[in-house]
Amino acid sequence: MKTGTSPKTLRIPNDTIADIEETAKAKKTSFSKEANRRLKGKDNTNYPMFMAKTQTIINLCWEGVNTGNKALIQKAQEEENKLWTRTMI
């Protein structure tokens, strides 16, 4: 067993176990690594909210640059700060 780990009993629905096993196999990793990744809530998927916010920021930047409107660029920065605050929590 790795240092800093502890075995725990945990009830997991069978369909979730099957999904974790399938994903782990597809990623060529272990069940434990995939389960731990999910428990930590880390995923490499771009969620729709994240994608929509990112597009809004890009649009504000383009419009601000093309029109010379510094307020739009500042608004884009504020939106970016909000997005980072939400993803860091």
Protein backbone atom coordinates (compact mmCIF):
# COMPACT_ATOMS: atom_id res chain seq x y z
CA MET A 1 0.00 0.00 0.00
CA LYS A 2 1.21 3.49 -0.81
CA THR A 3 2.27 5.81 1.99
CA GLY A 4 -0.45 8.27 2.90
CA THR A 5 -3.36 6.06 1.87
CA SER A 6 -5.93 4.19 3.94
CA PRO A 7 -8.35 1.44 2.98
CA LYS A 8 -12.00 2.39 3.60
CA THR A 9 -15.25 0.51 3.17
CA LEU A 10 -17.54 2.36 0.81
CA ARG A 11 -20.87 1.39 -0.74
CA ILE A 12 -20.91 2.23 -4.43
CA PRO A 13 -23.84 1.46 -6.75
CA ASN A 14 -23.08 -1.35 -9.21
CA ASP A 15 -23.69 0.86 -12.24
CA THR A 16 -21.13 3.36 -10.92
CA ILE A 17 -18.61 0.57 -10.36
CA ALA A 18 -19.15 -0.64 -13.92
CA ASP A 19 -18.73 2.91 -15.25
CA ILE A 20 -15.50 3.44 -13.28
CA GLU A 21 -14.13 0.08 -14.47
CA GLU A 22 -15.01 0.89 -18.08
CA THR A 23 -13.45 4.35 -17.91
CA ALA A 24 -10.33 3.02 -16.18
CA LYS A 25 -9.91 0.35 -18.85
CA ALA A 26 -10.35 2.90 -21.65
CA LYS A 27 -7.77 5.20 -20.03
CA LYS A 28 -5.48 2.23 -19.28
CA THR A 29 -5.38 3.05 -15.59
CA SER A 30 -6.48 1.31 -12.41
CA PHE A 31 -9.90 1.31 -10.80
CA SER A 32 -8.44 3.03 -7.72
CA LYS A 33 -6.82 5.84 -9.71
CA GLU A 34 -10.02 6.52 -11.64
CA ALA A 35 -12.18 6.37 -8.48
CA ASN A 36 -9.80 8.76 -6.67
CA ARG A 37 -9.85 11.16 -9.63
CA ARG A 38 -13.64 11.22 -9.42
CA LEU A 39 -13.65 11.66 -5.65
CA LYS A 40 -11.39 14.68 -6.02
CA GLY A 41 -13.82 16.09 -8.56
CA LYS A 42 -11.14 16.68 -11.14
CA ASP A 43 -12.07 16.13 -14.71
CA ASN A 44 -10.62 17.27 -17.99
CA THR A 45 -14.04 17.89 -19.49
CA ASN A 46 -15.01 21.39 -20.53
CA TYR A 47 -18.37 21.89 -18.90
CA PRO A 48 -21.02 23.88 -20.82
CA MET A 49 -20.98 26.68 -18.22
CA PHE A 50 -17.22 26.98 -18.49
CA MET A 51 -17.37 26.98 -22.27
CA ALA A 52 -20.16 29.59 -22.36
CA LYS A 53 -18.33 31.89 -19.94
CA THR A 54 -15.12 31.51 -21.92
CA GLN A 55 -16.92 32.43 -25.14
CA THR A 56 -18.43 35.50 -23.46
CA ILE A 57 -14.97 36.60 -22.36
CA ILE A 58 -13.58 36.10 -25.87
CA ASN A 59 -16.46 38.04 -27.40
CA LEU A 60 -15.99 40.93 -24.97
CA CYS A 61 -12.27 41.04 -25.75
CA TRP A 62 -12.78 41.02 -29.51
CA GLU A 63 -15.42 43.71 -29.37
CA GLY A 64 -13.33 45.79 -26.98
CA VAL A 65 -10.21 45.51 -29.15
CA ASN A 66 -12.08 46.15 -32.40
CA THR A 67 -13.92 49.20 -31.08
CA GLY A 68 -11.22 50.48 -28.75
CA ASN A 69 -13.69 50.22 -25.86
CA LYS A 70 -11.52 49.66 -22.79
CA ALA A 71 -14.61 49.19 -20.61
CA LEU A 72 -15.42 45.99 -22.52
CA ILE A 73 -11.92 44.68 -22.00
CA GLN A 74 -12.21 45.46 -18.28
CA LYS A 75 -15.60 43.67 -18.22
CA ALA A 76 -13.91 40.65 -19.84
CA GLN A 77 -11.27 40.69 -17.09
CA GLU A 78 -13.97 40.81 -14.41
CA GLU A 79 -15.75 37.84 -16.01
CA GLU A 80 -12.46 35.95 -16.13
CA ASN A 81 -11.86 36.62 -12.44
CA LYS A 82 -15.35 35.32 -11.60
CA LEU A 83 -14.74 32.21 -13.68
CA TRP A 84 -11.43 31.46 -11.97
CA THR A 85 -12.99 32.04 -8.57
CA ARG A 86 -15.68 29.46 -9.35
CA THR A 87 -13.23 26.87 -10.69
CA MET A 88 -10.81 27.22 -7.78
CA ILE A 89 -13.44 26.41 -5.15
